[in-house]
Amino acid sequence: MADEPLDPLLHQPTRLEIMAYLYRNRQAAFTAIRDALGVTAGNLQSHGAKLQAAGYVEIQRVFAGVFEVRWSMTEKGEEAFEGYVEQLRSLVRRLDPGAGGPP
């Protein structure tokens, strides 16, 4: 895993924040994600389209008293996010001079 490159789709800061938000919440309204991350609707839509195309998120229009757009993390997205986080942890361990060498 140490030699694998970080997933460039997740390495982009806004997409990483989206995935972290969905990892924590599992499902959220578009407006909740937008407001939590402080991004514009257009910016969120653009990044969401890339995550959806990769199969990392599912975006649906649902009726919850009113129609809203709900995002949820897919199993593939969860695996990708957890793998990305583990790669970062591995990198930190590898580069920590007090860790005594490779993990």
Protein backbone atom coordinates (compact mmCIF):
# COMPACT_ATOMS: atom_id res chain seq x y z
CA MET A 1 0.00 0.00 0.00
CA ALA A 2 2.92 2.33 0.68
CA ASP A 3 3.78 2.52 -3.01
CA GLU A 4 0.23 3.06 -4.21
CA PRO A 5 -0.54 6.66 -5.15
CA LEU A 6 -3.21 8.46 -3.18
CA ASP A 7 -6.58 8.42 -4.91
CA PRO A 8 -6.52 11.71 -6.87
CA LEU A 9 -10.31 11.91 -6.76
CA LEU A 10 -10.26 11.93 -2.96
CA HIS A 11 -7.05 13.90 -2.63
CA GLN A 12 -8.79 17.06 -3.88
CA PRO A 13 -9.67 19.06 -0.72
CA THR A 14 -13.36 19.73 -1.37
CA ARG A 15 -14.08 16.15 -2.41
CA LEU A 16 -12.19 14.90 0.64
CA GLU A 17 -14.36 17.12 2.85
CA ILE A 18 -17.52 15.84 1.16
CA MET A 19 -16.47 12.25 1.72
CA ALA A 20 -15.51 12.91 5.34
CA TYR A 21 -18.89 14.56 5.93
CA LEU A 22 -20.74 11.64 4.36
CA TYR A 23 -18.58 9.10 6.20
CA ARG A 24 -19.62 10.69 9.47
CA ASN A 25 -23.28 11.26 8.55
CA ARG A 26 -23.86 8.48 5.97
CA GLN A 27 -26.59 10.50 4.29
CA ALA A 28 -27.28 14.20 4.05
CA ALA A 29 -29.28 16.77 2.15
CA PHE A 30 -27.43 18.73 -0.50
CA THR A 31 -28.10 21.96 1.39
CA ALA A 32 -26.70 20.54 4.64
CA ILE A 33 -23.47 19.54 2.92
CA ARG A 34 -23.22 22.88 1.14
CA ASP A 35 -23.72 24.82 4.36
CA ALA A 36 -21.41 22.62 6.45
CA LEU A 37 -18.56 22.94 3.95
CA GLY A 38 -19.18 26.58 3.06
CA VAL A 39 -19.07 25.97 -0.69
CA THR A 40 -21.31 27.25 -3.45
CA ALA A 41 -24.07 25.09 -4.87
CA GLY A 42 -22.31 24.98 -8.25
CA ASN A 43 -19.02 23.94 -6.69
CA LEU A 44 -20.71 21.19 -4.69
CA GLN A 45 -22.62 19.94 -7.74
CA SER A 46 -19.43 19.78 -9.78
CA HIS A 47 -17.54 17.77 -7.18
CA GLY A 48 -20.59 15.61 -6.48
CA ALA A 49 -20.87 14.69 -10.14
CA LYS A 50 -17.28 13.41 -10.11
CA LEU A 51 -17.83 11.41 -6.94
CA GLN A 52 -21.05 9.99 -8.34
CA ALA A 53 -19.39 9.04 -11.64
CA ALA A 54 -16.74 7.14 -9.66
CA GLY A 55 -19.46 5.31 -7.76
CA TYR A 56 -18.44 6.84 -4.41
CA VAL A 57 -21.71 8.65 -3.73
CA GLU A 58 -25.32 8.20 -4.69
CA ILE A 59 -27.39 11.30 -5.33
CA GLN A 60 -31.16 11.04 -5.28
CA ARG A 61 -34.11 13.37 -5.27
CA VAL A 62 -36.45 12.29 -2.46
CA PHE A 63 -39.66 13.54 -0.92
CA ALA A 64 -39.31 14.34 2.78
CA GLY A 65 -42.26 16.68 3.24
CA VAL A 66 -40.72 18.61 0.36
CA PHE A 67 -38.48 17.42 -2.43
CA GLU A 68 -34.78 17.53 -1.60
CA VAL A 69 -31.58 16.16 -3.03
CA ARG A 70 -29.98 13.59 -0.74
CA TRP A 71 -26.44 12.32 -0.97
CA SER A 72 -25.24 9.07 0.52
CA MET A 73 -21.91 7.30 0.53
CA THR A 74 -21.84 4.00 -1.32
CA GLU A 75 -20.04 0.90 -0.14
CA LYS A 76 -17.41 1.55 -2.81
CA GLY A 77 -17.04 5.11 -1.53
CA GLU A 78 -16.67 3.93 2.05
CA GLU A 79 -13.95 1.47 1.04
CA ALA A 80 -12.15 4.14 -0.98
CA PHE A 81 -12.33 6.67 1.85
CA GLU A 82 -11.14 4.20 4.49
CA GLY A 83 -8.31 3.11 2.18
CA TYR A 84 -7.30 6.72 1.62
CA VAL A 85 -7.26 7.43 5.36
CA GLU A 86 -5.19 4.30 5.98
CA GLN A 87 -2.71 5.39 3.30
CA LEU A 88 -2.31 8.72 5.08
CA ARG A 89 -1.79 6.97 8.42
CA SER A 90 0.79 4.69 6.85
CA LEU A 91 2.59 7.68 5.37
CA VAL A 92 2.72 9.42 8.75
CA ARG A 93 4.02 6.26 10.46
CA ARG A 94 6.65 5.77 7.75
CA LEU A 95 7.87 9.34 8.05
CA ASP A 96 7.78 9.56 11.86
CA PRO A 97 11.42 9.48 12.98
CA GLY A 98 10.40 8.15 16.40
CA ALA A 99 8.45 5.23 14.97
CA GLY A 100 11.55 3.08 14.46
CA GLY A 101 11.27 2.53 10.74
CA PRO A 102 8.59 1.18 8.45
CA PRO A 103 5.34 -0.06 10.00
